Amino acid sequence: SSGINAEWSLRPGLVIGAGITLDSAMKAHSSLQGKGTNIRVMDPFTIKPLDKEAVLKHAKECGGRVVTVEDHYPEGGIGEAVAAVLSNADFITKHKMLAVREIPRSGPPAVLLDMFGISANKVEDAVMDLIE
């Protein structure tokens, strides 16, 4: 199994996340769906090896619009791995990387997810930025 969870019809954007950020992606999916916008969500299962063919397939079917969301620094994470794959795509891509970009701290999970820009609301905002 490739670990892919996906909606299979054409979507305006692909969101790739893992762990807690997969939950953020799925919540954004539900919220956007309630507003009439459907997105595709992908759980890459592993970064190394990353299923490059699946990333390209789903990105292409979503118009090349991709949001990656991860609960750590961007260096060496999902966003960079996906960016490397998208850099070799034979179609135009737009990619937003959501990741922790400041020193982590303790606090309630929902507050921290929002503070670091990786909550469902922030995923939803990133998707809307790509499709507008």
N, C-alpha and C. Protein backbone atom coordinates (compact mmCIF):
# COMPACT_ATOMS: atom_id res chain seq x y z
N SER A 1 0.84 -1.19 0.00
CA SER A 1 0.00 0.00 0.00
C SER A 1 0.88 1.23 0.00
N SER A 2 0.48 2.25 -0.76
CA SER A 2 1.27 3.48 -0.84
C SER A 2 0.96 4.44 0.27
N GLY A 3 -0.04 4.17 1.11
CA GLY A 3 -0.38 5.07 2.20
C GLY A 3 -1.15 6.29 1.74
N ILE A 4 -1.72 6.23 0.54
CA ILE A 4 -2.41 7.39 -0.01
C ILE A 4 -3.88 7.37 0.37
N ASN A 5 -4.34 8.47 0.90
CA ASN A 5 -5.76 8.68 1.13
C ASN A 5 -6.15 9.80 0.18
N ALA A 6 -7.02 9.55 -0.76
CA ALA A 6 -7.29 10.59 -1.75
C ALA A 6 -8.73 10.59 -2.20
N GLU A 7 -9.17 11.76 -2.59
CA GLU A 7 -10.43 11.92 -3.31
C GLU A 7 -10.03 11.76 -4.78
N TRP A 8 -10.78 11.03 -5.56
CA TRP A 8 -10.28 10.66 -6.88
C TRP A 8 -10.77 11.52 -8.04
N SER A 9 -11.64 12.47 -7.84
CA SER A 9 -12.03 13.33 -8.95
C SER A 9 -11.18 14.59 -8.94
N LEU A 10 -11.25 15.36 -10.02
CA LEU A 10 -10.44 16.57 -10.14
C LEU A 10 -10.71 17.51 -8.98
N ARG A 11 -9.68 17.97 -8.35
CA ARG A 11 -9.78 18.85 -7.19
C ARG A 11 -8.96 20.11 -7.45
N PRO A 12 -9.33 21.23 -6.83
CA PRO A 12 -8.57 22.45 -7.06
C PRO A 12 -7.24 22.51 -6.32
N GLY A 13 -6.95 21.56 -5.46
CA GLY A 13 -5.69 21.59 -4.75
C GLY A 13 -5.41 20.28 -4.04
N LEU A 14 -4.13 20.00 -3.87
CA LEU A 14 -3.68 18.81 -3.16
C LEU A 14 -3.02 19.26 -1.87
N VAL A 15 -3.39 18.65 -0.75
CA VAL A 15 -2.76 18.93 0.53
C VAL A 15 -2.07 17.64 0.99
N ILE A 16 -0.79 17.77 1.33
CA ILE A 16 0.01 16.62 1.77
C ILE A 16 0.45 16.88 3.20
N GLY A 17 0.11 15.95 4.08
CA GLY A 17 0.49 16.08 5.49
C GLY A 17 0.62 14.71 6.11
N ALA A 18 1.21 14.67 7.30
CA ALA A 18 1.38 13.39 8.01
C ALA A 18 1.20 13.64 9.51
N GLY A 19 0.77 12.62 10.21
CA GLY A 19 0.60 12.75 11.65
C GLY A 19 -0.46 13.77 12.01
N ILE A 20 -0.14 14.65 12.95
CA ILE A 20 -1.09 15.66 13.40
C ILE A 20 -1.49 16.60 12.26
N THR A 21 -0.58 16.84 11.33
CA THR A 21 -0.92 17.74 10.23
C THR A 21 -1.82 17.07 9.19
N LEU A 22 -1.83 15.75 9.16
CA LEU A 22 -2.81 15.06 8.32
C LEU A 22 -4.20 15.34 8.88
N ASP A 23 -4.30 15.39 10.20
CA ASP A 23 -5.57 15.75 10.84
C ASP A 23 -5.97 17.18 10.46
N SER A 24 -5.02 18.10 10.45
CA SER A 24 -5.30 19.48 10.02
C SER A 24 -5.80 19.48 8.58
N ALA A 25 -5.15 18.70 7.73
CA ALA A 25 -5.54 18.63 6.32
C ALA A 25 -6.96 18.07 6.16
N MET A 26 -7.27 17.03 6.92
CA MET A 26 -8.61 16.43 6.82
C MET A 26 -9.69 17.37 7.35
N LYS A 27 -9.38 18.12 8.41
CA LYS A 27 -10.33 19.11 8.92
C LYS A 27 -10.53 20.23 7.90
N ALA A 28 -9.45 20.66 7.25
CA ALA A 28 -9.57 21.68 6.20
C ALA A 28 -10.41 21.14 5.05
N HIS A 29 -10.20 19.87 4.70
CA HIS A 29 -10.99 19.22 3.65
C HIS A 29 -12.47 19.29 3.98
N SER A 30 -12.83 18.92 5.20
CA SER A 30 -14.24 18.93 5.61
C SER A 30 -14.81 20.34 5.59
N SER A 31 -14.05 21.29 6.10
CA SER A 31 -14.52 22.67 6.14
C SER A 31 -14.72 23.23 4.73
N LEU A 32 -13.73 23.02 3.87
CA LEU A 32 -13.83 23.52 2.50
C LEU A 32 -14.96 22.83 1.75
N GLN A 33 -15.13 21.54 1.98
CA GLN A 33 -16.21 20.80 1.32
C GLN A 33 -17.56 21.41 1.70
N GLY A 34 -17.71 21.80 2.96
CA GLY A 34 -18.93 22.43 3.40
C GLY A 34 -19.18 23.77 2.74
N LYS A 35 -18.13 24.36 2.18
CA LYS A 35 -18.23 25.65 1.49
C LYS A 35 -18.24 25.47 -0.03
N GLY A 36 -18.31 24.21 -0.46
CA GLY A 36 -18.40 23.94 -1.89
C GLY A 36 -17.06 23.79 -2.61
N THR A 37 -15.97 23.72 -1.87
CA THR A 37 -14.64 23.54 -2.47
C THR A 37 -14.08 22.21 -2.01
N ASN A 38 -13.75 21.36 -2.97
CA ASN A 38 -13.20 20.05 -2.65
C ASN A 38 -11.71 20.03 -2.92
N ILE A 39 -10.97 19.45 -2.00
CA ILE A 39 -9.53 19.28 -2.18
C ILE A 39 -9.20 17.80 -2.03
N ARG A 40 -8.02 17.45 -2.47
CA ARG A 40 -7.53 16.09 -2.31
C ARG A 40 -6.50 16.11 -1.19
N VAL A 41 -6.53 15.10 -0.35
CA VAL A 41 -5.58 14.99 0.76
C VAL A 41 -4.75 13.73 0.56
N MET A 42 -3.45 13.88 0.75
CA MET A 42 -2.54 12.74 0.59
C MET A 42 -1.70 12.57 1.86
N ASP A 43 -1.64 11.33 2.32
CA ASP A 43 -0.76 10.95 3.41
C ASP A 43 0.41 10.23 2.76
N PRO A 44 1.59 10.83 2.74
CA PRO A 44 2.71 10.19 2.02
C PRO A 44 3.26 8.94 2.72
N PHE A 45 2.85 8.68 3.94
CA PHE A 45 3.28 7.53 4.73
C PHE A 45 4.75 7.63 5.10
N THR A 46 5.64 7.84 4.14
CA THR A 46 7.06 8.05 4.42
C THR A 46 7.57 9.19 3.55
N ILE A 47 8.62 9.84 4.02
CA ILE A 47 9.28 10.86 3.21
C ILE A 47 10.43 10.21 2.44
N LYS A 48 11.07 9.26 3.08
CA LYS A 48 12.18 8.53 2.45
C LYS A 48 11.88 7.05 2.56
N PRO A 49 11.46 6.40 1.52
CA PRO A 49 11.30 6.98 0.20
C PRO A 49 9.94 7.65 0.04
N LEU A 50 9.90 8.74 -0.69
CA LEU A 50 8.66 9.42 -1.03
C LEU A 50 8.12 8.82 -2.32
N ASP A 51 6.84 8.58 -2.36
CA ASP A 51 6.21 8.02 -3.57
C ASP A 51 6.09 9.14 -4.60
N LYS A 52 7.18 9.36 -5.34
CA LYS A 52 7.28 10.47 -6.29
C LYS A 52 6.19 10.40 -7.36
N GLU A 53 5.93 9.20 -7.86
CA GLU A 53 4.93 9.05 -8.90
C GLU A 53 3.55 9.47 -8.40
N ALA A 54 3.23 9.10 -7.16
CA ALA A 54 1.94 9.47 -6.58
C ALA A 54 1.84 10.98 -6.40
N VAL A 55 2.91 11.60 -5.90
CA VAL A 55 2.89 13.06 -5.72
C VAL A 55 2.63 13.74 -7.06
N LEU A 56 3.36 13.34 -8.09
CA LEU A 56 3.19 13.96 -9.42
C LEU A 56 1.80 13.69 -9.99
N LYS A 57 1.32 12.48 -9.85
CA LYS A 57 -0.01 12.12 -10.37
C LYS A 57 -1.09 12.98 -9.71
N HIS A 58 -1.07 13.03 -8.38
CA HIS A 58 -2.10 13.78 -7.67
C HIS A 58 -1.95 15.28 -7.87
N ALA A 59 -0.72 15.77 -7.91
CA ALA A 59 -0.50 17.19 -8.16
C ALA A 59 -1.04 17.58 -9.54
N LYS A 60 -0.74 16.77 -10.53
CA LYS A 60 -1.20 17.08 -11.89
C LYS A 60 -2.72 17.08 -11.96
N GLU A 61 -3.35 16.09 -11.31
CA GLU A 61 -4.82 16.00 -11.32
C GLU A 61 -5.47 17.14 -10.53
N CYS A 62 -4.67 17.84 -9.72
CA CYS A 62 -5.18 18.97 -8.93
C CYS A 62 -4.67 20.30 -9.48
N GLY A 63 -4.35 20.31 -10.76
CA GLY A 63 -3.95 21.55 -11.40
C GLY A 63 -2.58 22.07 -10.98
N GLY A 64 -1.75 21.21 -10.40
CA GLY A 64 -0.41 21.62 -10.00
C GLY A 64 -0.37 22.44 -8.71
N ARG A 65 -1.51 22.59 -8.04
CA ARG A 65 -1.59 23.38 -6.80
C ARG A 65 -1.43 22.46 -5.60
N VAL A 66 -0.34 22.68 -4.83
CA VAL A 66 0.01 21.77 -3.73
C VAL A 66 0.32 22.57 -2.46
N VAL A 67 -0.24 22.11 -1.35
CA VAL A 67 0.10 22.64 -0.03
C VAL A 67 0.69 21.48 0.77
N THR A 68 1.86 21.70 1.35
CA THR A 68 2.41 20.72 2.28
C THR A 68 2.34 21.32 3.68
N VAL A 69 2.04 20.48 4.64
CA VAL A 69 1.91 20.94 6.03
C VAL A 69 2.61 19.93 6.94
N GLU A 70 3.50 20.45 7.80
CA GLU A 70 4.27 19.57 8.68
C GLU A 70 4.48 20.23 10.03
N ASP A 71 4.63 19.41 11.05
CA ASP A 71 4.70 19.91 12.42
C ASP A 71 6.13 20.04 12.94
N HIS A 72 7.04 20.41 12.07
CA HIS A 72 8.43 20.65 12.46
C HIS A 72 9.02 21.64 11.48
N TYR A 73 10.30 21.92 11.62
CA TYR A 73 10.95 22.86 10.71
C TYR A 73 10.87 22.34 9.27
N PRO A 74 10.87 23.25 8.29
CA PRO A 74 10.74 22.81 6.90
C PRO A 74 11.96 22.06 6.36
N GLU A 75 13.13 22.35 6.91
CA GLU A 75 14.34 21.74 6.38
C GLU A 75 14.30 20.22 6.56
N GLY A 76 14.46 19.52 5.45
CA GLY A 76 14.51 18.06 5.48
C GLY A 76 13.16 17.39 5.66
N GLY A 77 12.09 18.12 5.49
CA GLY A 77 10.77 17.56 5.74
C GLY A 77 9.97 17.28 4.48
N ILE A 78 8.68 17.12 4.69
CA ILE A 78 7.76 16.81 3.59
C ILE A 78 7.79 17.90 2.53
N GLY A 79 7.76 19.15 2.96
CA GLY A 79 7.73 20.26 2.01
C GLY A 79 8.92 20.26 1.07
N GLU A 80 10.10 20.08 1.62
CA GLU A 80 11.30 20.05 0.77
C GLU A 80 11.31 18.84 -0.14
N ALA A 81 10.89 17.70 0.38
CA ALA A 81 10.85 16.48 -0.45
C ALA A 81 9.86 16.66 -1.61
N VAL A 82 8.70 17.21 -1.31
CA VAL A 82 7.69 17.43 -2.36
C VAL A 82 8.18 18.49 -3.34
N ALA A 83 8.82 19.57 -2.84
CA ALA A 83 9.35 20.60 -3.73
C ALA A 83 10.36 20.02 -4.72
N ALA A 84 11.20 19.11 -4.24
CA ALA A 84 12.18 18.47 -5.12
C ALA A 84 11.49 17.67 -6.22
N VAL A 85 10.42 16.97 -5.86
CA VAL A 85 9.67 16.20 -6.85
C VAL A 85 9.00 17.14 -7.85
N LEU A 86 8.35 18.19 -7.34
CA LEU A 86 7.62 19.12 -8.20
C LEU A 86 8.56 19.88 -9.13
N SER A 87 9.81 20.06 -8.73
CA SER A 87 10.76 20.79 -9.58
C SER A 87 11.04 20.06 -10.88
N ASN A 88 10.74 18.77 -10.91
CA ASN A 88 10.94 17.97 -12.13
C ASN A 88 9.64 17.67 -12.86
N ALA A 89 8.54 18.31 -12.45
CA ALA A 89 7.25 18.05 -13.09
C ALA A 89 7.24 18.60 -14.51
N ASP A 90 6.48 17.94 -15.37
CA ASP A 90 6.34 18.43 -16.75
C ASP A 90 5.08 19.29 -16.89
N PHE A 91 4.65 19.89 -15.79
CA PHE A 91 3.51 20.80 -15.77
C PHE A 91 3.82 21.91 -14.75
N ILE A 92 3.11 23.01 -14.86
CA ILE A 92 3.33 24.14 -13.96
C ILE A 92 2.76 23.83 -12.59
N THR A 93 3.54 24.14 -11.56
CA THR A 93 3.09 23.88 -10.19
C THR A 93 3.17 25.16 -9.35
N LYS A 94 2.31 25.21 -8.34
CA LYS A 94 2.34 26.24 -7.31
C LYS A 94 2.34 25.48 -5.99
N HIS A 95 3.30 25.79 -5.12
CA HIS A 95 3.48 25.01 -3.90
C HIS A 95 3.64 25.94 -2.71
N LYS A 96 2.81 25.73 -1.69
CA LYS A 96 2.94 26.46 -0.43
C LYS A 96 3.39 25.46 0.63
N MET A 97 4.43 25.84 1.38
CA MET A 97 4.94 24.97 2.45
C MET A 97 4.57 25.58 3.80
N LEU A 98 3.74 24.86 4.55
CA LEU A 98 3.40 25.26 5.91
C LEU A 98 4.23 24.40 6.86
N ALA A 99 4.96 25.07 7.75
CA ALA A 99 5.83 24.36 8.69
C ALA A 99 6.11 25.27 9.88
N VAL A 100 6.66 24.70 10.92
CA VAL A 100 7.06 25.47 12.10
C VAL A 100 8.28 26.29 11.71
N ARG A 101 8.22 27.61 11.92
CA ARG A 101 9.31 28.48 11.49
C ARG A 101 9.90 29.31 12.64
N GLU A 102 9.53 28.96 13.85
CA GLU A 102 10.12 29.63 15.01
C GLU A 102 10.37 28.60 16.10
N ILE A 103 10.99 29.02 17.17
CA ILE A 103 11.34 28.08 18.23
C ILE A 103 10.08 27.49 18.85
N PRO A 104 9.97 26.16 18.87
CA PRO A 104 8.78 25.52 19.44
C PRO A 104 8.64 25.82 20.93
N ARG A 105 7.43 25.75 21.40
CA ARG A 105 7.17 25.94 22.83
C ARG A 105 6.02 25.06 23.26
N SER A 106 5.77 25.02 24.53
CA SER A 106 4.68 24.22 25.09
C SER A 106 3.39 25.03 25.11
N GLY A 107 2.28 24.31 25.07
CA GLY A 107 0.98 24.95 25.16
C GLY A 107 -0.10 24.02 24.67
N PRO A 108 -1.35 24.47 24.70
CA PRO A 108 -2.46 23.66 24.20
C PRO A 108 -2.27 23.37 22.70
N PRO A 109 -2.45 22.14 22.28
CA PRO A 109 -2.21 21.76 20.89
C PRO A 109 -2.91 22.66 19.86
N ALA A 110 -4.17 22.96 20.05
CA ALA A 110 -4.90 23.78 19.07
C ALA A 110 -4.29 25.17 18.95
N VAL A 111 -3.87 25.74 20.07
CA VAL A 111 -3.25 27.07 20.06
C VAL A 111 -1.91 27.01 19.34
N LEU A 112 -1.12 25.98 19.62
CA LEU A 112 0.19 25.84 18.98
C LEU A 112 0.07 25.61 17.48
N LEU A 113 -0.86 24.76 17.06
CA LEU A 113 -1.05 24.52 15.63
C LEU A 113 -1.35 25.81 14.91
N ASP A 114 -2.21 26.64 15.50
CA ASP A 114 -2.56 27.91 14.87
C ASP A 114 -1.38 28.88 14.92
N MET A 115 -0.71 28.96 16.08
CA MET A 115 0.43 29.86 16.26
C MET A 115 1.53 29.59 15.23
N PHE A 116 1.77 28.32 14.95
CA PHE A 116 2.84 27.95 14.03
C PHE A 116 2.36 27.83 12.58
N GLY A 117 1.10 28.16 12.33
CA GLY A 117 0.61 28.21 10.95
C GLY A 117 0.31 26.88 10.32
N ILE A 118 0.01 25.86 11.15
CA ILE A 118 -0.22 24.52 10.59
C ILE A 118 -1.57 23.95 11.02
N SER A 119 -2.48 24.80 11.46
CA SER A 119 -3.82 24.37 11.86
C SER A 119 -4.69 24.18 10.62
N ALA A 120 -5.85 23.60 10.81
CA ALA A 120 -6.80 23.42 9.70
C ALA A 120 -7.14 24.76 9.06
N ASN A 121 -7.32 25.79 9.87
CA ASN A 121 -7.64 27.11 9.32
C ASN A 121 -6.51 27.63 8.44
N LYS A 122 -5.28 27.41 8.85
CA LYS A 122 -4.12 27.88 8.07
C LYS A 122 -3.98 27.07 6.78
N VAL A 123 -4.29 25.77 6.84
CA VAL A 123 -4.28 24.94 5.64
C VAL A 123 -5.34 25.46 4.67
N GLU A 124 -6.52 25.72 5.20
CA GLU A 124 -7.62 26.23 4.38
C GLU A 124 -7.22 27.55 3.71
N ASP A 125 -6.61 28.45 4.48
CA ASP A 125 -6.16 29.73 3.92
C ASP A 125 -5.15 29.52 2.80
N ALA A 126 -4.21 28.60 2.99
CA ALA A 126 -3.18 28.33 1.98
C ALA A 126 -3.81 27.79 0.70
N VAL A 127 -4.76 26.88 0.84
CA VAL A 127 -5.46 26.34 -0.33
C VAL A 127 -6.18 27.47 -1.07
N MET A 128 -6.89 28.29 -0.34
CA MET A 128 -7.64 29.37 -0.98
C MET A 128 -6.70 30.36 -1.68
N ASP A 129 -5.53 30.62 -1.09
CA ASP A 129 -4.54 31.49 -1.74
C ASP A 129 -4.11 30.91 -3.08
N LEU A 130 -3.97 29.58 -3.15
CA LEU A 130 -3.52 28.95 -4.40
C LEU A 130 -4.60 28.93 -5.47
N ILE A 131 -5.85 28.81 -5.07
CA ILE A 131 -6.90 28.65 -6.08
C ILE A 131 -7.60 29.94 -6.46
N GLU A 132 -7.33 31.01 -5.75
CA GLU A 132 -7.97 32.30 -6.09
C GLU A 132 -7.16 33.06 -7.10
